[in-house]
């Protein structure tokens, strides 16, 4: 069992930066695949990025602006968000799974992840 807690959200102006943290407790998840998803009001929770056994993959909407990293010693992953846009406004969720999927595309799906944080609000003003 892994518990995930996101933090670092807040209000930022367009063009600014924000760093989100996803801290795990209960057990180490350094070997788990991780993903970040976001959900804006009235919209489906959408894929943002994933770091998994195949590599690191970003949604086109955030490519070149967002970067994921992890610190295994701290049992945490981080999402560095740069050049933020108003359309990035959403609740951001981190997720993890110990499963090694044979298809890379599986890591883009919400259903592929076993553990989820409760989310952190990111608001980007124009």
Protein backbone atom coordinates (compact mmCIF):
# COMPACT_ATOMS: atom_id res chain seq x y z
CA UNK A 1 0.00 0.00 0.00
CA UNK A 2 1.27 3.43 -0.98
CA UNK A 3 -0.23 6.74 0.02
CA UNK A 4 0.47 9.74 -2.19
CA UNK A 5 0.18 13.38 -1.22
CA UNK A 6 0.56 16.24 -3.68
CA UNK A 7 1.68 19.69 -2.65
CA UNK A 8 3.02 22.86 -4.17
CA UNK A 9 -0.05 24.08 -5.97
CA UNK A 10 -1.18 27.66 -5.84
CA UNK A 11 -1.82 30.80 -7.83
CA UNK A 12 0.70 31.91 -10.40
CA UNK A 13 0.71 34.40 -13.25
CA UNK A 14 0.86 33.26 -16.84
CA UNK A 15 4.44 32.69 -17.85
CA UNK A 16 5.45 31.82 -14.33
CA UNK A 17 6.63 28.59 -12.81
CA UNK A 18 5.46 26.22 -10.15
CA UNK A 19 6.85 23.01 -8.72
CA UNK A 20 4.56 20.27 -7.53
CA UNK A 21 5.64 17.51 -5.20
CA UNK A 22 4.24 14.04 -4.79
CA UNK A 23 5.37 12.43 -1.58
CA UNK A 24 4.81 8.77 -0.93
CA UNK A 25 4.40 7.04 2.39
CA UNK A 26 3.61 3.54 3.54
CA UNK A 27 6.33 1.98 1.44
CA UNK A 28 8.92 2.93 -1.12
CA UNK A 29 7.68 3.49 -4.63
CA UNK A 30 10.99 4.12 -6.35
CA UNK A 31 10.38 1.17 -8.65
CA UNK A 32 6.82 2.19 -9.47
CA UNK A 33 5.76 3.85 -12.66
CA UNK A 34 4.35 7.30 -11.98
CA UNK A 35 2.02 9.58 -13.81
CA UNK A 36 0.60 13.04 -13.50
CA UNK A 37 -2.95 13.84 -14.51
CA UNK A 38 -5.00 16.99 -14.28
CA UNK A 39 -8.66 17.83 -14.20
CA UNK A 40 -10.22 21.17 -14.99
CA UNK A 41 -13.84 21.98 -14.07
CA UNK A 42 -16.27 20.22 -16.36
CA UNK A 43 -13.57 18.21 -18.07
CA UNK A 44 -12.27 14.68 -17.86
CA UNK A 45 -9.15 13.96 -15.90
CA UNK A 46 -6.47 14.05 -18.57
CA UNK A 47 -3.00 12.66 -18.97
CA UNK A 48 -0.11 15.04 -18.42
CA UNK A 49 3.00 12.88 -18.27
CA UNK A 50 4.34 9.53 -17.19
CA UNK A 51 7.69 8.14 -16.13
CA UNK A 52 7.79 4.40 -16.55
CA UNK A 53 9.84 1.45 -17.73
CA UNK A 54 9.68 2.65 -21.33
CA UNK A 55 10.84 6.16 -20.54
CA UNK A 56 9.30 9.54 -19.91
CA UNK A 57 6.43 10.82 -22.02
CA UNK A 58 4.62 14.12 -22.01
CA UNK A 59 1.29 15.20 -23.36
CA UNK A 60 1.65 17.52 -26.33
CA UNK A 61 0.01 20.31 -24.37
CA UNK A 62 2.83 20.43 -21.82
CA UNK A 63 5.81 19.18 -23.81
CA UNK A 64 8.76 21.50 -23.49
CA UNK A 65 7.27 23.25 -20.47
CA UNK A 66 6.84 20.54 -17.84
CA UNK A 67 9.53 18.26 -16.47
CA UNK A 68 9.23 15.30 -14.15
CA UNK A 69 11.93 14.15 -11.78
CA UNK A 70 12.15 11.88 -8.81
CA UNK A 71 14.21 11.70 -5.68
CA UNK A 72 14.26 8.11 -4.51
CA UNK A 73 15.99 9.00 -1.25
CA UNK A 74 13.00 11.18 -0.38
CA UNK A 75 10.47 8.77 -1.87
CA UNK A 76 9.05 11.61 -3.90
CA UNK A 77 8.48 12.78 -7.44
CA UNK A 78 8.33 16.35 -8.67
CA UNK A 79 6.64 18.15 -11.49
CA UNK A 80 8.39 21.33 -12.57
CA UNK A 81 5.98 23.49 -14.53
CA UNK A 82 7.38 26.40 -16.50
CA UNK A 83 5.84 28.94 -18.84
CA UNK A 84 2.46 28.29 -17.33
CA UNK A 85 -0.66 29.16 -19.28
CA UNK A 86 -4.21 29.84 -18.09
CA UNK A 87 -5.28 26.60 -19.73
CA UNK A 88 -3.00 24.75 -17.31
CA UNK A 89 -5.42 25.65 -14.53
CA UNK A 90 -6.62 22.40 -12.99
CA UNK A 91 -6.34 20.08 -10.05
CA UNK A 92 -3.19 18.07 -10.53
CA UNK A 93 -2.96 14.48 -9.38
CA UNK A 94 0.00 12.16 -9.08
CA UNK A 95 -0.48 8.45 -9.53
CA UNK A 96 1.61 5.31 -9.29
CA UNK A 97 1.51 1.65 -10.16
CA UNK A 98 3.90 -1.24 -9.52
CA UNK A 99 2.73 -2.97 -12.69
CA UNK A 100 5.01 -3.31 -15.69
CA UNK A 101 2.77 -3.02 -18.70
CA UNK A 102 3.85 -4.53 -21.99
CA UNK A 103 2.31 -1.69 -23.96
CA UNK A 104 3.57 1.85 -23.53
CA UNK A 105 0.15 3.25 -24.21
CA UNK A 106 -1.22 1.68 -21.04
CA UNK A 107 0.63 4.30 -19.01
CA UNK A 108 -1.46 7.05 -20.54
CA UNK A 109 -4.66 5.68 -19.05
CA UNK A 110 -6.05 6.57 -15.65
CA UNK A 111 -7.20 3.01 -15.14
CA UNK A 112 -3.63 1.74 -15.25
CA UNK A 113 -2.70 3.37 -11.97
CA UNK A 114 -3.38 1.83 -8.58
CA UNK A 115 -2.55 4.68 -6.23
CA UNK A 116 -3.67 8.29 -6.41
CA UNK A 117 -3.10 11.42 -4.45
CA UNK A 118 -5.94 13.76 -3.56
CA UNK A 119 -4.76 16.49 -5.87
CA UNK A 120 -3.42 20.00 -5.60
CA UNK A 121 -4.98 23.05 -7.20
CA UNK A 122 -3.00 25.02 -9.76
CA UNK A 123 -4.47 28.30 -10.91
CA UNK A 124 -2.80 30.33 -13.63
CA UNK A 125 -4.01 33.88 -14.05
CA UNK A 126 -3.83 35.82 -17.29
